[in-house]
Structure formats: structure tokens, C-alpha cells
Protein backbone atom coordinates (compact mmCIF):
# COMPACT_ATOMS: atom_id res chain seq x y z
CA MET A 1 0.00 0.00 0.00
CA TRP A 2 1.09 3.48 -0.70
CA TRP A 3 0.56 4.80 2.83
CA GLU A 4 2.97 2.16 4.24
CA LEU A 5 5.68 3.38 1.87
CA MET A 6 5.01 6.93 2.95
CA LEU A 7 5.27 5.97 6.64
CA PHE A 8 8.68 4.31 6.21
CA ASN A 9 10.02 7.18 4.12
CA CYS A 10 9.20 9.72 6.89
CA GLN A 11 11.36 7.84 9.43
CA ARG A 12 14.67 8.09 7.55
CA GLY A 13 15.72 11.29 9.39
CA HIS A 14 15.35 9.66 12.81
CA MET A 15 18.68 7.87 12.39
CA LEU A 16 20.42 11.21 11.86
CA LEU A 17 19.08 12.60 15.15
CA LEU A 18 21.38 10.46 17.33
CA PRO A 19 24.72 11.47 15.72
CA VAL A 20 23.73 15.15 15.56
CA SER A 21 22.75 15.24 19.24
CA LEU A 22 25.92 13.33 20.16
CA MET A 23 28.03 15.87 18.25
CA ALA A 24 26.23 18.75 20.01
CA VAL A 25 27.01 17.23 23.42
CA LEU A 26 30.66 16.73 22.42
CA PHE A 27 30.94 20.35 21.25
CA LEU A 28 29.46 21.60 24.53
CA LEU A 29 31.87 19.49 26.57
CA GLY A 30 34.83 20.62 24.44
CA GLY A 31 33.84 24.27 24.78
CA SER A 32 33.50 23.92 28.55
CA TYR A 33 36.92 22.30 28.74
CA LEU A 34 38.52 25.09 26.70
CA HIS A 35 36.87 27.74 28.87
CA LEU A 36 38.09 26.03 32.04
CA SER A 37 41.62 25.71 30.62
CA PHE A 38 41.85 29.40 29.71
CA ASN A 39 40.53 30.47 33.12
CA THR A 40 43.02 28.21 34.90
CA LYS A 41 45.89 29.57 32.82
CA GLU A 42 44.94 33.19 33.54
CA SER A 43 44.52 32.46 37.25
CA THR A 44 47.95 30.81 37.35
CA LEU A 45 49.59 33.77 35.60
CA LEU A 46 47.93 36.25 37.97
CA GLN A 47 49.07 34.21 40.98
CA GLY A 48 52.64 34.35 39.66
CA GLU A 49 52.35 38.12 39.28
CA ARG A 50 51.08 38.41 42.86
CA ILE A 51 54.05 36.42 44.12
CA GLN A 52 56.43 38.67 42.17
CA ALA A 53 54.70 41.78 43.56
CA TYR A 54 55.16 40.37 47.08
CA TYR A 55 58.89 39.88 46.48
CA VAL A 56 59.24 43.39 45.05
CA ALA A 57 57.53 44.81 48.17
CA GLU A 58 59.80 42.64 50.31
CA ALA A 59 62.83 44.13 48.55
CA GLY A 60 61.60 47.60 49.53
CA VAL A 61 61.40 46.51 53.16
CA GLU A 62 64.88 44.98 53.01
CA MET A 63 66.36 48.14 51.46
CA ALA A 64 64.81 50.28 54.21
CA LEU A 65 66.02 47.89 56.94
CA ALA A 66 69.55 47.95 55.54
CA ARG A 67 69.56 51.75 55.50
CA LEU A 68 68.07 51.92 59.00
CA ALA A 69 70.75 49.57 60.34
CA ALA A 70 73.45 51.87 58.95
CA ASP A 71 71.73 55.17 59.80
CA SER A 72 68.52 55.33 61.81
CA ASN A 73 67.85 58.93 60.77
CA TRP A 74 65.16 58.12 58.19
CA SER A 75 64.40 61.75 57.33
CA VAL A 76 67.90 62.25 55.89
CA TRP A 77 67.72 59.51 53.27
CA ALA A 78 63.92 59.20 52.83
CA PRO A 79 63.95 61.13 49.51
CA GLU A 80 65.70 58.12 47.91
CA PHE A 81 62.41 56.24 48.33
CA ALA A 82 60.12 59.12 47.33
CA GLY A 83 59.47 57.94 43.76
CA PRO A 84 59.01 54.52 42.23
CA VAL A 85 62.14 52.38 42.16
CA GLU A 86 62.47 49.82 39.36
CA PHE A 87 63.26 46.39 40.72
CA ALA A 88 63.20 42.91 39.12
CA GLY A 89 60.76 43.86 36.38
CA GLY A 90 58.40 45.54 38.83
CA GLN A 91 58.30 48.71 40.88
CA ILE A 92 58.72 49.51 44.52
CA ARG A 93 56.02 52.18 44.50
CA GLU A 94 56.56 53.54 47.98
CA VAL A 95 58.41 52.84 51.20
CA ASN A 96 57.35 54.66 54.35
CA VAL A 97 59.08 54.44 57.72
CA ASN A 98 57.39 55.65 60.91
CA LYS A 99 59.04 55.58 64.30
CA THR A 100 56.69 53.99 66.81
CA ALA A 101 58.90 53.93 69.91
CA THR A 102 62.38 54.99 70.95
CA GLY A 103 64.74 54.11 73.74
CA PRO A 104 68.27 55.02 74.78
CA ASN A 105 69.95 52.80 72.19
CA TRP A 106 67.05 51.38 70.17
CA VAL A 107 64.19 52.50 67.97
CA THR A 108 61.07 50.65 66.84
CA VAL A 109 59.84 51.46 63.35
CA GLN A 110 56.96 50.46 61.15
CA ILE A 111 57.88 50.05 57.48
CA THR A 112 55.19 50.01 54.79
CA SER A 113 56.31 48.93 51.34
CA VAL A 114 54.20 48.69 48.19
CA GLY A 115 55.35 46.44 45.35
CA VAL A 116 53.78 46.32 41.89
CA TYR A 117 54.41 43.72 39.21
CA LYS A 118 52.36 43.97 36.00
CA LYS A 119 48.70 43.83 37.17
CA ALA A 120 49.41 42.75 40.76
CA ARG A 121 50.03 44.95 43.79
CA LYS A 122 51.14 43.89 47.29
CA THR A 123 51.65 45.90 50.44
CA LEU A 124 53.82 44.72 53.33
CA ILE A 125 53.76 46.19 56.82
CA VAL A 126 56.77 45.34 58.95
CA THR A 127 57.53 46.37 62.51
CA ALA A 128 61.19 46.13 63.50
CA ARG A 129 63.35 47.09 66.45
CA ILE A 130 66.79 48.43 65.58
CA THR A 131 69.42 48.39 68.32
CA ARG A 132 72.36 50.77 67.91
CA PRO A 133 75.44 49.59 69.71
CA SER A 134 78.02 52.10 70.83
CA GLY A 135 80.72 52.91 68.32
CA ASP A 136 80.60 52.68 64.54
CA GLU A 137 79.06 49.22 64.33
CA GLU A 138 75.89 48.68 62.39
CA GLY A 139 72.73 48.21 64.36
CA LYS A 140 71.05 44.90 64.98
CA ILE A 141 67.57 44.35 63.59
CA ALA A 142 64.85 42.30 65.24
CA ILE A 143 61.64 41.83 63.27
CA VAL A 144 58.65 42.22 65.58
CA SER A 145 55.94 41.58 62.98
CA TRP A 146 55.75 40.98 59.24
CA ARG A 147 52.37 40.96 57.58
CA GLU A 148 50.74 41.49 54.26
CA LYS A 149 48.05 44.11 53.95
CA TYR A 150 45.11 42.61 52.11
CA GLY A 151 42.82 44.69 49.98
CA PRO A 152 42.07 45.42 46.36
CA PHE A 153 44.80 44.32 44.00
């Protein structure tokens, strides 16, 4: 009968539905994987930049501590740290030293150093006690606290 032939002819496209839907699922999974890979790569690169910014800020603290050990009169050599200092591909944006306490042969200071590397920015706040022995010897440094200031990058 003619209607039986018509019925079988209408079902030919049903076999194509399975491969097309399977391909669509595979494309969705592949796209999701690519998106996840790119996000992971960008996150990893940004984390590396944050680590570099931390080390640049740490270098600013170390430079200030070295100068303080040699000469505790911060106001004399503070202009050296007034502008950005290029360091290891990044910048030491600012280094501030504030005296928090003084004694007969010691001084306690708080050093704030900001390091920038590409898109990342880190701020370190260090409190140190510098002891000045008598004579021309360099002072001894004792770190009281060392912390990272969290906030917007």
C-alpha cells in the first residue's frame, strides 16, 4: 500500500538525530573544557604576578632595613624612596618608615612597602626594632611583625 511506503520514508531522518545530538554534546563538553583551561591559565599567571609583587615589596622593606641599620635617621635619606624604584621587572612604589617607639639605644619602626608587578600589587607592613650599639658598628635588627596588607589588588 502506498501509505505504508510513505510511513517508512518519513522515518529516515530519525537515524540522523542520534549522531547530531551526540556531536552537540561533544561540542558543549569541548567548549566547557577550553573555557576552564583558559581560566586556569589566567589564574595561574595572575598568581605568579602576585608572588612577584610580594617579592618586590619585600625588597623595599629589606632596602629600608639595611639603610636603617646603617643610619637610623630616616628623614635624611627618605627622599631616595620618594618615587618609584624599578626592581626585578616591577616597581617599589613607595616605602614609608614611621618611628613607633624609641629608647636610649634602640628605635622601633613600622615600614610600609608597596610592590607592583604587572597587574598585581602587594603591600607589606613590617615592625622592627633596631638596636644601635656604641661605636661605629651597624645596628642589629629584630623583626617584631611581618604581615601582608590585604585589599584590592
